[in-house]
PDB file of all heavy atoms in Angstrom:
ATOM      1  N   VAL A   1      -8.578  13.008   6.270  1.00  0.00           N
ATOM      2  CA  VAL A   1      -9.284  13.212   4.998  1.00  0.00           C
ATOM      3  C   VAL A   1      -8.297  13.248   3.842  1.00  0.00           C
ATOM      4  O   VAL A   1      -8.531  12.644   2.780  1.00  0.00           O
ATOM      5  CB  VAL A   1     -10.118  14.511   5.050  1.00  0.00           C
ATOM      6  CG1 VAL A   1     -10.647  14.868   3.664  1.00  0.00           C
ATOM      7  CG2 VAL A   1     -11.267  14.363   6.019  1.00  0.00           C
ATOM      8  N   GLY A   2      -7.169  13.947   4.037  1.00  0.00           N
ATOM      9  CA  GLY A   2      -6.158  13.986   2.984  1.00  0.00           C
ATOM     10  C   GLY A   2      -5.606  12.608   2.667  1.00  0.00           C
ATOM     11  O   GLY A   2      -5.457  12.237   1.492  1.00  0.00           O
ATOM     12  N   ALA A   3      -5.314  11.822   3.713  1.00  0.00           N
ATOM     13  CA  ALA A   3      -4.796  10.470   3.484  1.00  0.00           C
ATOM     14  C   ALA A   3      -5.833   9.587   2.813  1.00  0.00           C
ATOM     15  O   ALA A   3      -5.510   8.788   1.913  1.00  0.00           O
ATOM     16  CB  ALA A   3      -4.355   9.855   4.818  1.00  0.00           C
ATOM     17  N   LEU A   4      -7.098   9.714   3.245  1.00  0.00           N
ATOM     18  CA  LEU A   4      -8.159   8.889   2.673  1.00  0.00           C
ATOM     19  C   LEU A   4      -8.386   9.219   1.199  1.00  0.00           C
ATOM     20  O   LEU A   4      -8.536   8.317   0.362  1.00  0.00           O
ATOM     21  CB  LEU A   4      -9.448   9.088   3.469  1.00  0.00           C
ATOM     22  CG  LEU A   4     -10.637   8.189   3.121  1.00  0.00           C
ATOM     23  CD1 LEU A   4     -10.256   6.726   3.287  1.00  0.00           C
ATOM     24  CD2 LEU A   4     -11.826   8.534   4.006  1.00  0.00           C
ATOM     25  N   LEU A   5      -8.406  10.514   0.848  1.00  0.00           N
ATOM     26  CA  LEU A   5      -8.583  10.895  -0.551  1.00  0.00           C
ATOM     27  C   LEU A   5      -7.404  10.451  -1.401  1.00  0.00           C
ATOM     28  O   LEU A   5      -7.570  10.033  -2.555  1.00  0.00           O
ATOM     29  CB  LEU A   5      -8.776  12.412  -0.649  1.00  0.00           C
ATOM     30  CG  LEU A   5     -10.068  12.968  -0.032  1.00  0.00           C
ATOM     31  CD1 LEU A   5     -10.116  14.487  -0.139  1.00  0.00           C
ATOM     32  CD2 LEU A   5     -11.293  12.349  -0.695  1.00  0.00           C
ATOM     33  N   THR A   6      -6.194  10.539  -0.839  1.00  0.00           N
ATOM     34  CA  THR A   6      -5.014  10.076  -1.568  1.00  0.00           C
ATOM     35  C   THR A   6      -5.107   8.579  -1.851  1.00  0.00           C
ATOM     36  O   THR A   6      -4.808   8.118  -2.964  1.00  0.00           O
ATOM     37  CB  THR A   6      -3.745  10.383  -0.756  1.00  0.00           C
ATOM     38  OG1 THR A   6      -3.667  11.793  -0.529  1.00  0.00           O
ATOM     39  CG2 THR A   6      -2.500   9.920  -1.502  1.00  0.00           C
ATOM     40  N   GLN A   7      -5.525   7.792  -0.853  1.00  0.00           N
ATOM     41  CA  GLN A   7      -5.692   6.352  -1.066  1.00  0.00           C
ATOM     42  C   GLN A   7      -6.790   6.076  -2.093  1.00  0.00           C
ATOM     43  O   GLN A   7      -6.675   5.173  -2.917  1.00  0.00           O
ATOM     44  CB  GLN A   7      -6.033   5.674   0.268  1.00  0.00           C
ATOM     45  CG  GLN A   7      -4.917   5.700   1.294  1.00  0.00           C
ATOM     46  CD  GLN A   7      -5.356   5.125   2.626  1.00  0.00           C
ATOM     47  OE1 GLN A   7      -6.445   4.579   2.760  1.00  0.00           O
ATOM     48  NE2 GLN A   7      -4.495   5.241   3.641  1.00  0.00           N
ATOM     49  N   TRP A   8      -7.846   6.861  -2.049  1.00  0.00           N
ATOM     50  CA  TRP A   8      -8.963   6.682  -2.987  1.00  0.00           C
ATOM     51  C   TRP A   8      -8.505   6.904  -4.424  1.00  0.00           C
ATOM     52  O   TRP A   8      -8.774   6.108  -5.326  1.00  0.00           O
ATOM     53  CB  TRP A   8     -10.067   7.671  -2.624  1.00  0.00           C
ATOM     54  CG  TRP A   8     -11.417   7.331  -3.173  1.00  0.00           C
ATOM     55  CD1 TRP A   8     -11.702   6.426  -4.162  1.00  0.00           C
ATOM     56  CD2 TRP A   8     -12.657   7.885  -2.765  1.00  0.00           C
ATOM     57  NE1 TRP A   8     -13.050   6.383  -4.386  1.00  0.00           N
ATOM     58  CE2 TRP A   8     -13.663   7.264  -3.541  1.00  0.00           C
ATOM     59  CE3 TRP A   8     -13.030   8.832  -1.817  1.00  0.00           C
ATOM     60  CZ2 TRP A   8     -15.005   7.590  -3.405  1.00  0.00           C
ATOM     61  CZ3 TRP A   8     -14.366   9.149  -1.673  1.00  0.00           C
ATOM     62  CH2 TRP A   8     -15.347   8.536  -2.447  1.00  0.00           C
ATOM     63  N   VAL A   9      -7.786   8.002  -4.640  1.00  0.00           N
ATOM     64  CA  VAL A   9      -7.275   8.307  -5.983  1.00  0.00           C
ATOM     65  C   VAL A   9      -6.298   7.236  -6.441  1.00  0.00           C
ATOM     66  O   VAL A   9      -6.327   6.788  -7.602  1.00  0.00           O
ATOM     67  CB  VAL A   9      -6.616   9.701  -5.989  1.00  0.00           C
ATOM     68  CG1 VAL A   9      -5.897   9.951  -7.312  1.00  0.00           C
ATOM     69  CG2 VAL A   9      -7.657  10.784  -5.737  1.00  0.00           C
ATOM     70  N   ALA A  10      -5.409   6.806  -5.532  1.00  0.00           N
ATOM     71  CA  ALA A  10      -4.432   5.781  -5.901  1.00  0.00           C
ATOM     72  C   ALA A  10      -5.120   4.478  -6.282  1.00  0.00           C
ATOM     73  O   ALA A  10      -4.717   3.795  -7.236  1.00  0.00           O
ATOM     74  CB  ALA A  10      -3.459   5.553  -4.751  1.00  0.00           C
ATOM     75  N   GLN A  11      -6.187   4.103  -5.547  1.00  0.00           N
ATOM     76  CA  GLN A  11      -6.910   2.878  -5.890  1.00  0.00           C
ATOM     77  C   GLN A  11      -7.591   3.005  -7.251  1.00  0.00           C
ATOM     78  O   GLN A  11      -7.594   2.059  -8.042  1.00  0.00           O
ATOM     79  CB  GLN A  11      -7.941   2.554  -4.817  1.00  0.00           C
ATOM     80  CG  GLN A  11      -8.669   1.234  -5.067  1.00  0.00           C
ATOM     81  CD  GLN A  11      -9.702   0.942  -3.999  1.00  0.00           C
ATOM     82  OE1 GLN A  11     -10.147   1.831  -3.304  1.00  0.00           O
ATOM     83  NE2 GLN A  11     -10.084  -0.304  -3.883  1.00  0.00           N
ATOM     84  N   ASP A  12      -8.178   4.167  -7.555  1.00  0.00           N
ATOM     85  CA  ASP A  12      -8.806   4.364  -8.860  1.00  0.00           C
ATOM     86  C   ASP A  12      -7.777   4.254  -9.982  1.00  0.00           C
ATOM     87  O   ASP A  12      -8.061   3.705 -11.055  1.00  0.00           O
ATOM     88  CB  ASP A  12      -9.497   5.728  -8.902  1.00  0.00           C
ATOM     89  CG  ASP A  12     -10.775   5.748  -8.070  1.00  0.00           C
ATOM     90  OD1 ASP A  12     -11.261   4.655  -7.713  1.00  0.00           O
ATOM     91  OD2 ASP A  12     -11.261   6.852  -7.756  1.00  0.00           O
ATOM     92  N   ARG A  13      -6.582   4.781  -9.738  1.00  0.00           N
ATOM     93  CA  ARG A  13      -5.535   4.679 -10.759  1.00  0.00           C
ATOM     94  C   ARG A  13      -5.128   3.227 -10.982  1.00  0.00           C
ATOM     95  O   ARG A  13      -4.955   2.796 -12.130  1.00  0.00           O
ATOM     96  CB  ARG A  13      -4.315   5.510 -10.335  1.00  0.00           C
ATOM     97  CG  ARG A  13      -4.528   7.019 -10.437  1.00  0.00           C
ATOM     98  CD  ARG A  13      -3.307   7.763  -9.916  1.00  0.00           C
ATOM     99  NE  ARG A  13      -3.496   9.213 -10.023  1.00  0.00           N
ATOM    100  CZ  ARG A  13      -2.645  10.104  -9.516  1.00  0.00           C
ATOM    101  NH1 ARG A  13      -1.563   9.689  -8.857  1.00  0.00           N
ATOM    102  NH2 ARG A  13      -2.882  11.391  -9.653  1.00  0.00           N
ATOM    103  N   ARG A  14      -4.984   2.479  -9.882  1.00  0.00           N
ATOM    104  CA  ARG A  14      -4.620   1.067 -10.035  1.00  0.00           C
ATOM    105  C   ARG A  14      -5.717   0.301 -10.768  1.00  0.00           C
ATOM    106  O   ARG A  14      -5.445  -0.562 -11.600  1.00  0.00           O
ATOM    107  CB  ARG A  14      -4.354   0.440  -8.663  1.00  0.00           C
ATOM    108  CG  ARG A  14      -3.073   0.923  -7.999  1.00  0.00           C
ATOM    109  CD  ARG A  14      -2.714   0.039  -6.809  1.00  0.00           C
ATOM    110  NE  ARG A  14      -3.721   0.129  -5.758  1.00  0.00           N
ATOM    111  CZ  ARG A  14      -3.669   0.991  -4.746  1.00  0.00           C
ATOM    112  NH1 ARG A  14      -2.671   1.845  -4.662  1.00  0.00           N
ATOM    113  NH2 ARG A  14      -4.623   1.006  -3.820  1.00  0.00           N
ATOM    114  N   THR A  15      -6.978   0.618 -10.456  1.00  0.00           N
ATOM    115  CA  THR A  15      -8.092  -0.041 -11.143  1.00  0.00           C
ATOM    116  C   THR A  15      -8.093   0.295 -12.625  1.00  0.00           C
ATOM    117  O   THR A  15      -8.318  -0.579 -13.486  1.00  0.00           O
ATOM    118  CB  THR A  15      -9.427   0.390 -10.505  1.00  0.00           C
ATOM    119  OG1 THR A  15      -9.408   0.060  -9.118  1.00  0.00           O
ATOM    120  CG2 THR A  15     -10.593  -0.311 -11.176  1.00  0.00           C
ATOM    121  N   ALA A  16      -7.821   1.571 -12.940  1.00  0.00           N
ATOM    122  CA  ALA A  16      -7.779   1.975 -14.347  1.00  0.00           C
ATOM    123  C   ALA A  16      -6.650   1.278 -15.086  1.00  0.00           C
ATOM    124  O   ALA A  16      -6.805   0.838 -16.237  1.00  0.00           O
ATOM    125  CB  ALA A  16      -7.627   3.488 -14.445  1.00  0.00           C
ATOM    126  N   VAL A  17      -5.491   1.155 -14.443  1.00  0.00           N
ATOM    127  CA  VAL A  17      -4.351   0.475 -15.086  1.00  0.00           C
ATOM    128  C   VAL A  17      -4.678  -0.985 -15.340  1.00  0.00           C
ATOM    129  O   VAL A  17      -4.387  -1.539 -16.416  1.00  0.00           O
ATOM    130  CB  VAL A  17      -3.097   0.622 -14.204  1.00  0.00           C
ATOM    131  CG1 VAL A  17      -1.979  -0.286 -14.713  1.00  0.00           C
ATOM    132  CG2 VAL A  17      -2.629   2.074 -14.188  1.00  0.00           C
ATOM    133  N   ARG A  18      -5.300  -1.654 -14.346  1.00  0.00           N
ATOM    134  CA  ARG A  18      -5.665  -3.058 -14.549  1.00  0.00           C
ATOM    135  C   ARG A  18      -6.688  -3.207 -15.671  1.00  0.00           C
ATOM    136  O   ARG A  18      -6.621  -4.128 -16.485  1.00  0.00           O
ATOM    137  CB  ARG A  18      -6.219  -3.646 -13.244  1.00  0.00           C
ATOM    138  CG  ARG A  18      -5.172  -3.917 -12.188  1.00  0.00           C
ATOM    139  CD  ARG A  18      -5.725  -4.852 -11.110  1.00  0.00           C
ATOM    140  NE  ARG A  18      -6.909  -4.281 -10.465  1.00  0.00           N
ATOM    141  CZ  ARG A  18      -6.853  -3.531  -9.350  1.00  0.00           C
ATOM    142  NH1 ARG A  18      -5.683  -3.275  -8.791  1.00  0.00           N
ATOM    143  NH2 ARG A  18      -7.977  -3.057  -8.815  1.00  0.00           N
ATOM    144  N   THR A  19      -7.660  -2.301 -15.727  1.00  0.00           N
ATOM    145  CA  THR A  19      -8.680  -2.372 -16.779  1.00  0.00           C
ATOM    146  C   THR A  19      -8.067  -2.156 -18.153  1.00  0.00           C
ATOM    147  O   THR A  19      -8.391  -2.872 -19.114  1.00  0.00           O
ATOM    148  CB  THR A  19      -9.765  -1.321 -16.515  1.00  0.00           C
ATOM    149  OG1 THR A  19     -10.336  -1.547 -15.224  1.00  0.00           O
ATOM    150  CG2 THR A  19     -10.863  -1.398 -17.562  1.00  0.00           C
ATOM    151  N   ASP A  20      -7.162  -1.167 -18.255  1.00  0.00           N
ATOM    152  CA  ASP A  20      -6.509  -0.916 -19.541  1.00  0.00           C
ATOM    153  C   ASP A  20      -5.671  -2.105 -19.978  1.00  0.00           C
ATOM    154  O   ASP A  20      -5.658  -2.468 -21.170  1.00  0.00           O
ATOM    155  CB  ASP A  20      -5.631   0.333 -19.447  1.00  0.00           C
ATOM    156  CG  ASP A  20      -6.461   1.605 -19.274  1.00  0.00           C
ATOM    157  OD1 ASP A  20      -7.661   1.557 -19.585  1.00  0.00           O
ATOM    158  OD2 ASP A  20      -5.893   2.619 -18.822  1.00  0.00           O
ATOM    159  N   ARG A  21      -4.978  -2.726 -19.027  1.00  0.00           N
ATOM    160  CA  ARG A  21      -4.158  -3.882 -19.378  1.00  0.00           C
ATOM    161  C   ARG A  21      -5.035  -5.040 -19.858  1.00  0.00           C
ATOM    162  O   ARG A  21      -4.717  -5.735 -20.828  1.00  0.00           O
ATOM    163  CB  ARG A  21      -3.324  -4.321 -18.174  1.00  0.00           C
ATOM    164  CG  ARG A  21      -2.318  -5.419 -18.505  1.00  0.00           C
ATOM    165  CD  ARG A  21      -1.571  -5.886 -17.267  1.00  0.00           C
ATOM    166  NE  ARG A  21      -0.873  -4.797 -16.627  1.00  0.00           N
ATOM    167  CZ  ARG A  21      -1.130  -4.355 -15.408  1.00  0.00           C
ATOM    168  NH1 ARG A  21      -2.113  -4.912 -14.703  1.00  0.00           N
ATOM    169  NH2 ARG A  21      -0.453  -3.356 -14.886  1.00  0.00           N
ATOM    170  N   LYS A  22      -6.182  -5.223 -19.177  1.00  0.00           N
ATOM    171  CA  LYS A  22      -7.098  -6.292 -19.583  1.00  0.00           C
ATOM    172  C   LYS A  22      -7.685  -6.016 -20.961  1.00  0.00           C
ATOM    173  O   LYS A  22      -7.813  -6.922 -21.793  1.00  0.00           O
ATOM    174  CB  LYS A  22      -8.208  -6.416 -18.540  1.00  0.00           C
ATOM    175  CG  LYS A  22      -9.237  -7.494 -18.853  1.00  0.00           C
ATOM    176  CD  LYS A  22     -10.307  -7.539 -17.784  1.00  0.00           C
ATOM    177  CE  LYS A  22     -11.365  -8.592 -18.114  1.00  0.00           C
ATOM    178  NZ  LYS A  22     -12.442  -8.628 -17.091  1.00  0.00           N
ATOM    179  N   ASP A  23      -8.036  -4.741 -21.223  1.00  0.00           N
ATOM    180  CA  ASP A  23      -8.603  -4.400 -22.523  1.00  0.00           C
ATOM    181  C   ASP A  23      -7.580  -4.547 -23.645  1.00  0.00           C
ATOM    182  O   ASP A  23      -7.922  -4.918 -24.773  1.00  0.00           O
ATOM    183  CB  ASP A  23      -9.140  -2.968 -22.493  1.00  0.00           C
ATOM    184  CG  ASP A  23     -10.364  -2.838 -21.589  1.00  0.00           C
ATOM    185  OD1 ASP A  23     -10.987  -3.876 -21.302  1.00  0.00           O
ATOM    186  OD2 ASP A  23     -10.686  -1.706 -21.173  1.00  0.00           O
ATOM    187  N   ASP A  24      -6.306  -4.254 -23.325  1.00  0.00           N
ATOM    188  CA  ASP A  24      -5.278  -4.432 -24.339  1.00  0.00           C
ATOM    189  C   ASP A  24      -5.112  -5.887 -24.721  1.00  0.00           C
ATOM    190  O   ASP A  24      -4.809  -6.220 -25.882  1.00  0.00           O
ATOM    191  CB  ASP A  24      -3.942  -3.866 -23.841  1.00  0.00           C
ATOM    192  CG  ASP A  24      -3.973  -2.344 -23.748  1.00  0.00           C
ATOM    193  OD1 ASP A  24      -4.840  -1.733 -24.420  1.00  0.00           O
ATOM    194  OD2 ASP A  24      -3.148  -1.773 -23.000  1.00  0.00           O
ATOM    195  N   GLU A  25      -5.287  -6.794 -23.758  1.00  0.00           N
ATOM    196  CA  GLU A  25      -5.085  -8.215 -24.025  1.00  0.00           C
ATOM    197  C   GLU A  25      -6.332  -8.879 -24.586  1.00  0.00           C
ATOM    198  O   GLU A  25      -6.254  -9.722 -25.480  1.00  0.00           O
ATOM    199  CB  GLU A  25      -4.659  -8.932 -22.735  1.00  0.00           C
ATOM    200  CG  GLU A  25      -3.284  -8.514 -22.237  1.00  0.00           C
ATOM    201  CD  GLU A  25      -2.870  -9.298 -21.012  1.00  0.00           C
ATOM    202  OE1 GLU A  25      -3.532 -10.318 -20.728  1.00  0.00           O
ATOM    203  OE2 GLU A  25      -1.896  -8.911 -20.347  1.00  0.00           O
ATOM    204  N   TYR A  26      -7.501  -8.499 -24.039  1.00  0.00           N
ATOM    205  CA  TYR A  26      -8.726  -9.214 -24.394  1.00  0.00           C
ATOM    206  C   TYR A  26      -9.774  -8.333 -25.073  1.00  0.00           C
ATOM    207  O   TYR A  26     -10.875  -8.797 -25.355  1.00  0.00           O
ATOM    208  CB  TYR A  26      -9.361  -9.833 -23.140  1.00  0.00           C
ATOM    209  CG  TYR A  26      -8.430 -10.741 -22.388  1.00  0.00           C
ATOM    210  CD1 TYR A  26      -7.838 -10.318 -21.201  1.00  0.00           C
ATOM    211  CD2 TYR A  26      -8.135 -12.014 -22.870  1.00  0.00           C
ATOM    212  CE1 TYR A  26      -6.972 -11.147 -20.505  1.00  0.00           C
ATOM    213  CE2 TYR A  26      -7.271 -12.848 -22.180  1.00  0.00           C
ATOM    214  CZ  TYR A  26      -6.700 -12.408 -20.998  1.00  0.00           C
ATOM    215  OH  TYR A  26      -5.843 -13.221 -20.317  1.00  0.00           O
ATOM    216  N   GLY A  27      -9.445  -7.065 -25.333  1.00  0.00           N
ATOM    217  CA  GLY A  27     -10.421  -6.170 -25.925  1.00  0.00           C
ATOM    218  C   GLY A  27     -11.216  -5.456 -24.859  1.00  0.00           C
ATOM    219  O   GLY A  27     -11.230  -5.838 -23.691  1.00  0.00           O
ATOM    220  N   ASP A  28     -11.919  -4.396 -25.303  1.00  0.00           N
ATOM    221  CA  ASP A  28     -12.718  -3.597 -24.376  1.00  0.00           C
ATOM    222  C   ASP A  28     -14.026  -4.328 -24.095  1.00  0.00           C
ATOM    223  O   ASP A  28     -14.988  -4.249 -24.870  1.00  0.00           O
ATOM    224  CB  ASP A  28     -12.986  -2.217 -24.984  1.00  0.00           C
ATOM    225  CG  ASP A  28     -13.530  -1.242 -23.946  1.00  0.00           C
ATOM    226  OD1 ASP A  28     -14.111  -1.725 -22.961  1.00  0.00           O
ATOM    227  OD2 ASP A  28     -13.365  -0.028 -24.124  1.00  0.00           O
ATOM    228  N   SER A  29     -14.096  -5.045 -23.029  1.00  0.00           N
ATOM    229  CA  SER A  29     -15.260  -5.869 -22.714  1.00  0.00           C
ATOM    230  C   SER A  29     -16.504  -5.025 -22.468  1.00  0.00           C
ATOM    231  O   SER A  29     -17.608  -5.395 -22.857  1.00  0.00           O
ATOM    232  CB  SER A  29     -14.967  -6.745 -21.493  1.00  0.00           C
ATOM    233  OG  SER A  29     -14.592  -5.934 -20.392  1.00  0.00           O
ATOM    234  N   GLU A  30     -16.348  -3.880 -21.807  1.00  0.00           N
ATOM    235  CA  GLU A  30     -17.500  -3.044 -21.536  1.00  0.00           C
ATOM    236  C   GLU A  30     -18.083  -2.471 -22.826  1.00  0.00           C
ATOM    237  O   GLU A  30     -19.307  -2.424 -23.016  1.00  0.00           O
ATOM    238  CB  GLU A  30     -17.099  -1.910 -20.580  1.00  0.00           C
ATOM    239  CG  GLU A  30     -16.724  -2.398 -19.181  1.00  0.00           C
ATOM    240  CD  GLU A  30     -16.385  -1.242 -18.260  1.00  0.00           C
ATOM    241  OE1 GLU A  30     -16.454  -0.081 -18.736  1.00  0.00           O
ATOM    242  OE2 GLU A  30     -16.065  -1.489 -17.096  1.00  0.00           O
ATOM    243  N   LEU A  31     -17.210  -2.006 -23.778  1.00  0.00           N
ATOM    244  CA  LEU A  31     -17.690  -1.480 -25.054  1.00  0.00           C
ATOM    245  C   LEU A  31     -18.355  -2.570 -25.877  1.00  0.00           C
ATOM    246  O   LEU A  31     -19.406  -2.345 -26.500  1.00  0.00           O
ATOM    247  CB  LEU A  31     -16.520  -0.860 -25.837  1.00  0.00           C
ATOM    248  CG  LEU A  31     -16.860  -0.258 -27.206  1.00  0.00           C
ATOM    249  CD1 LEU A  31     -17.892   0.866 -27.052  1.00  0.00           C
ATOM    250  CD2 LEU A  31     -15.589   0.262 -27.887  1.00  0.00           C
ATOM    251  N   ALA A  32     -17.772  -3.776 -25.873  1.00  0.00           N
ATOM    252  CA  ALA A  32     -18.370  -4.873 -26.623  1.00  0.00           C
ATOM    253  C   ALA A  32     -19.747  -5.227 -26.069  1.00  0.00           C
ATOM    254  O   ALA A  32     -20.695  -5.485 -26.827  1.00  0.00           O
ATOM    255  CB  ALA A  32     -17.444  -6.088 -26.576  1.00  0.00           C
ATOM    256  N   ALA A  33     -19.868  -5.235 -24.766  1.00  0.00           N
ATOM    257  CA  ALA A  33     -21.171  -5.537 -24.165  1.00  0.00           C
ATOM    258  C   ALA A  33     -22.197  -4.468 -24.513  1.00  0.00           C
ATOM    259  O   ALA A  33     -23.373  -4.758 -24.778  1.00  0.00           O
ATOM    260  CB  ALA A  33     -21.016  -5.667 -22.647  1.00  0.00           C
ATOM    261  N   TYR A  34     -21.760  -3.203 -24.541  1.00  0.00           N
ATOM    262  CA  TYR A  34     -22.674  -2.116 -24.888  1.00  0.00           C
ATOM    263  C   TYR A  34     -23.150  -2.224 -26.336  1.00  0.00           C
ATOM    264  O   TYR A  34     -24.344  -2.069 -26.634  1.00  0.00           O
ATOM    265  CB  TYR A  34     -21.971  -0.783 -24.653  1.00  0.00           C
ATOM    266  CG  TYR A  34     -22.825   0.432 -24.947  1.00  0.00           C
ATOM    267  CD1 TYR A  34     -23.902   0.765 -24.139  1.00  0.00           C
ATOM    268  CD2 TYR A  34     -22.550   1.236 -26.052  1.00  0.00           C
ATOM    269  CE1 TYR A  34     -24.693   1.872 -24.412  1.00  0.00           C
ATOM    270  CE2 TYR A  34     -23.326   2.343 -26.336  1.00  0.00           C
ATOM    271  CZ  TYR A  34     -24.400   2.663 -25.513  1.00  0.00           C
ATOM    272  OH  TYR A  34     -25.176   3.753 -25.802  1.00  0.00           O
ATOM    273  N   ASN A  35     -22.208  -2.539 -27.245  1.00  0.00           N
ATOM    274  CA  ASN A  35     -22.574  -2.698 -28.650  1.00  0.00           C
ATOM    275  C   ASN A  35     -23.524  -3.880 -28.844  1.00  0.00           C
ATOM    276  O   ASN A  35     -24.467  -3.823 -29.646  1.00  0.00           O
ATOM    277  CB  ASN A  35     -21.329  -2.872 -29.510  1.00  0.00           C
ATOM    278  CG  ASN A  35     -20.520  -1.577 -29.596  1.00  0.00           C
ATOM    279  OD1 ASN A  35     -21.082  -0.482 -29.479  1.00  0.00           O
ATOM    280  ND2 ASN A  35     -19.212  -1.697 -29.811  1.00  0.00           N
ATOM    281  N   ALA A  36     -23.277  -4.980 -28.125  1.00  0.00           N
ATOM    282  CA  ALA A  36     -24.159  -6.142 -28.233  1.00  0.00           C
ATOM    283  C   ALA A  36     -25.568  -5.806 -27.755  1.00  0.00           C
ATOM    284  O   ALA A  36     -26.566  -6.255 -28.326  1.00  0.00           O
ATOM    285  CB  ALA A  36     -23.587  -7.301 -27.428  1.00  0.00           C
ATOM    286  N   MET A  37     -25.661  -4.992 -26.708  1.00  0.00           N
ATOM    287  CA  MET A  37     -26.970  -4.597 -26.218  1.00  0.00           C
ATOM    288  C   MET A  37     -27.715  -3.763 -27.258  1.00  0.00           C
ATOM    289  O   MET A  37     -28.913  -3.947 -27.501  1.00  0.00           O
ATOM    290  CB  MET A  37     -26.810  -3.797 -24.924  1.00  0.00           C
ATOM    291  CG  MET A  37     -28.140  -3.375 -24.293  1.00  0.00           C
ATOM    292  SD  MET A  37     -27.921  -2.137 -23.006  1.00  0.00           S
ATOM    293  CE  MET A  37     -27.411  -0.731 -24.002  1.00  0.00           C
ATOM    294  N   LEU A  38     -26.985  -2.836 -27.913  1.00  0.00           N
ATOM    295  CA  LEU A  38     -27.614  -2.018 -28.938  1.00  0.00           C
ATOM    296  C   LEU A  38     -28.094  -2.869 -30.115  1.00  0.00           C
ATOM    297  O   LEU A  38     -29.166  -2.639 -30.678  1.00  0.00           O
ATOM    298  CB  LEU A  38     -26.633  -0.941 -29.420  1.00  0.00           C
ATOM    299  CG  LEU A  38     -26.282   0.160 -28.403  1.00  0.00           C
ATOM    300  CD1 LEU A  38     -25.270   1.125 -28.999  1.00  0.00           C
ATOM    301  CD2 LEU A  38     -27.523   0.905 -27.946  1.00  0.00           C
TER     302      LEU A  38
END
């Protein structure tokens, strides 16, 4: 359980880093989509 939770947290961190890098280059796609919907 400890190893699995550690891997889970590490994967979430990697996903967050990739998302932040993508948003820095191309803008926050999720926020833009939300604003367009509104």
